[in-house]
Amino acid sequence: MRRASRSIPANLAEGWGVHTEANFKHFVSQALGSANEVQVHLDFAKDLGYLPEEQHTRLKRAYDSLGRRLYMLRQRIKF
């Protein structure tokens, strides 16, 4: 979960540094995939009893919001 969560801003930074829209779109997609991966890990953590329901709900909402914003960013990047 830590690796996936740190991968999100790292992919955005790496994509921003390549200076082409196609490459940036690729890295935004990678960041979105990492955000989805974190959500799966959050579900596992809750199901296995490592994460209380309230904390799971709060974190899941935050990552849902992040995922929507990354998706919209990816959609707005023009080739």
Protein backbone atom coordinates (compact mmCIF):
# COMPACT_ATOMS: atom_id res chain seq x y z
CA MET A 1 0.00 0.00 0.00
CA ARG A 2 2.86 2.38 0.79
CA ARG A 3 4.57 1.64 -2.51
CA ALA A 4 1.39 2.19 -4.51
CA SER A 5 0.49 5.41 -2.68
CA ARG A 6 3.97 6.88 -3.21
CA SER A 7 3.85 5.89 -6.86
CA ILE A 8 0.97 8.28 -7.56
CA PRO A 9 2.81 11.62 -7.14
CA ALA A 10 6.04 10.07 -8.45
CA ASN A 11 4.34 9.15 -11.73
CA LEU A 12 2.84 12.62 -12.06
CA ALA A 13 6.22 14.23 -11.48
CA GLU A 14 7.95 11.92 -13.93
CA GLY A 15 5.26 12.50 -16.56
CA TRP A 16 5.41 16.27 -16.14
CA GLY A 17 9.15 16.15 -16.74
CA VAL A 18 8.92 14.46 -20.16
CA HIS A 19 7.28 17.52 -21.77
CA THR A 20 5.07 15.72 -24.28
CA GLU A 21 1.33 15.37 -23.89
CA ALA A 22 1.30 11.70 -24.93
CA ASN A 23 3.93 10.77 -22.36
CA PHE A 24 2.26 12.82 -19.64
CA LYS A 25 -1.05 11.08 -20.40
CA HIS A 26 0.72 7.73 -20.03
CA PHE A 27 2.10 8.67 -16.62
CA VAL A 28 -1.27 10.03 -15.46
CA SER A 29 -2.73 6.64 -16.41
CA GLN A 30 0.00 4.96 -14.36
CA ALA A 31 -0.88 7.21 -11.40
CA LEU A 32 -4.56 6.31 -11.79
CA GLY A 33 -3.64 2.63 -11.78
CA SER A 34 -1.68 3.11 -8.57
CA ALA A 35 -4.64 4.90 -6.96
CA ASN A 36 -6.85 1.95 -7.90
CA GLU A 37 -4.25 -0.42 -6.44
CA VAL A 38 -4.34 1.46 -3.13
CA GLN A 39 -8.12 1.02 -3.04
CA VAL A 40 -7.74 -2.74 -3.41
CA HIS A 41 -5.18 -2.78 -0.59
CA LEU A 42 -7.54 -0.73 1.59
CA ASP A 43 -10.27 -3.33 1.03
CA PHE A 44 -7.86 -6.15 1.91
CA ALA A 45 -6.75 -4.31 5.06
CA LYS A 46 -10.37 -3.85 6.17
CA ASP A 47 -11.37 -7.42 5.34
CA LEU A 48 -8.39 -8.81 7.25
CA GLY A 49 -9.14 -6.65 10.30
CA TYR A 50 -6.11 -4.35 9.99
CA LEU A 51 -8.18 -1.25 9.29
CA PRO A 52 -11.28 -0.14 11.20
CA GLU A 53 -14.45 0.42 9.15
CA GLU A 54 -14.52 4.18 9.81
CA GLN A 55 -10.94 4.69 8.69
CA HIS A 56 -11.51 2.49 5.64
CA THR A 57 -14.55 4.56 4.64
CA ARG A 58 -12.65 7.85 5.04
CA LEU A 59 -9.62 6.65 3.07
CA LYS A 60 -11.74 5.00 0.39
CA ARG A 61 -13.61 8.27 -0.19
CA ALA A 62 -10.34 10.17 -0.45
CA TYR A 63 -8.96 7.73 -3.03
CA ASP A 64 -12.28 7.73 -4.94
CA SER A 65 -11.98 11.52 -5.19
CA LEU A 66 -8.34 11.30 -6.24
CA GLY A 67 -9.21 8.69 -8.86
CA ARG A 68 -11.93 10.90 -10.33
CA ARG A 69 -9.56 13.87 -10.52
CA LEU A 70 -6.84 11.80 -12.18
CA TYR A 71 -9.37 10.39 -14.66
CA MET A 72 -10.58 13.89 -15.56
CA LEU A 73 -6.98 15.10 -15.93
CA ARG A 74 -6.24 12.21 -18.28
CA GLN A 75 -9.37 12.99 -20.33
CA ARG A 76 -8.40 16.66 -20.71
CA ILE A 77 -4.90 15.99 -22.03
CA LYS A 78 -4.94 16.52 -25.77
CA PHE A 79 -2.72 14.75 -28.26
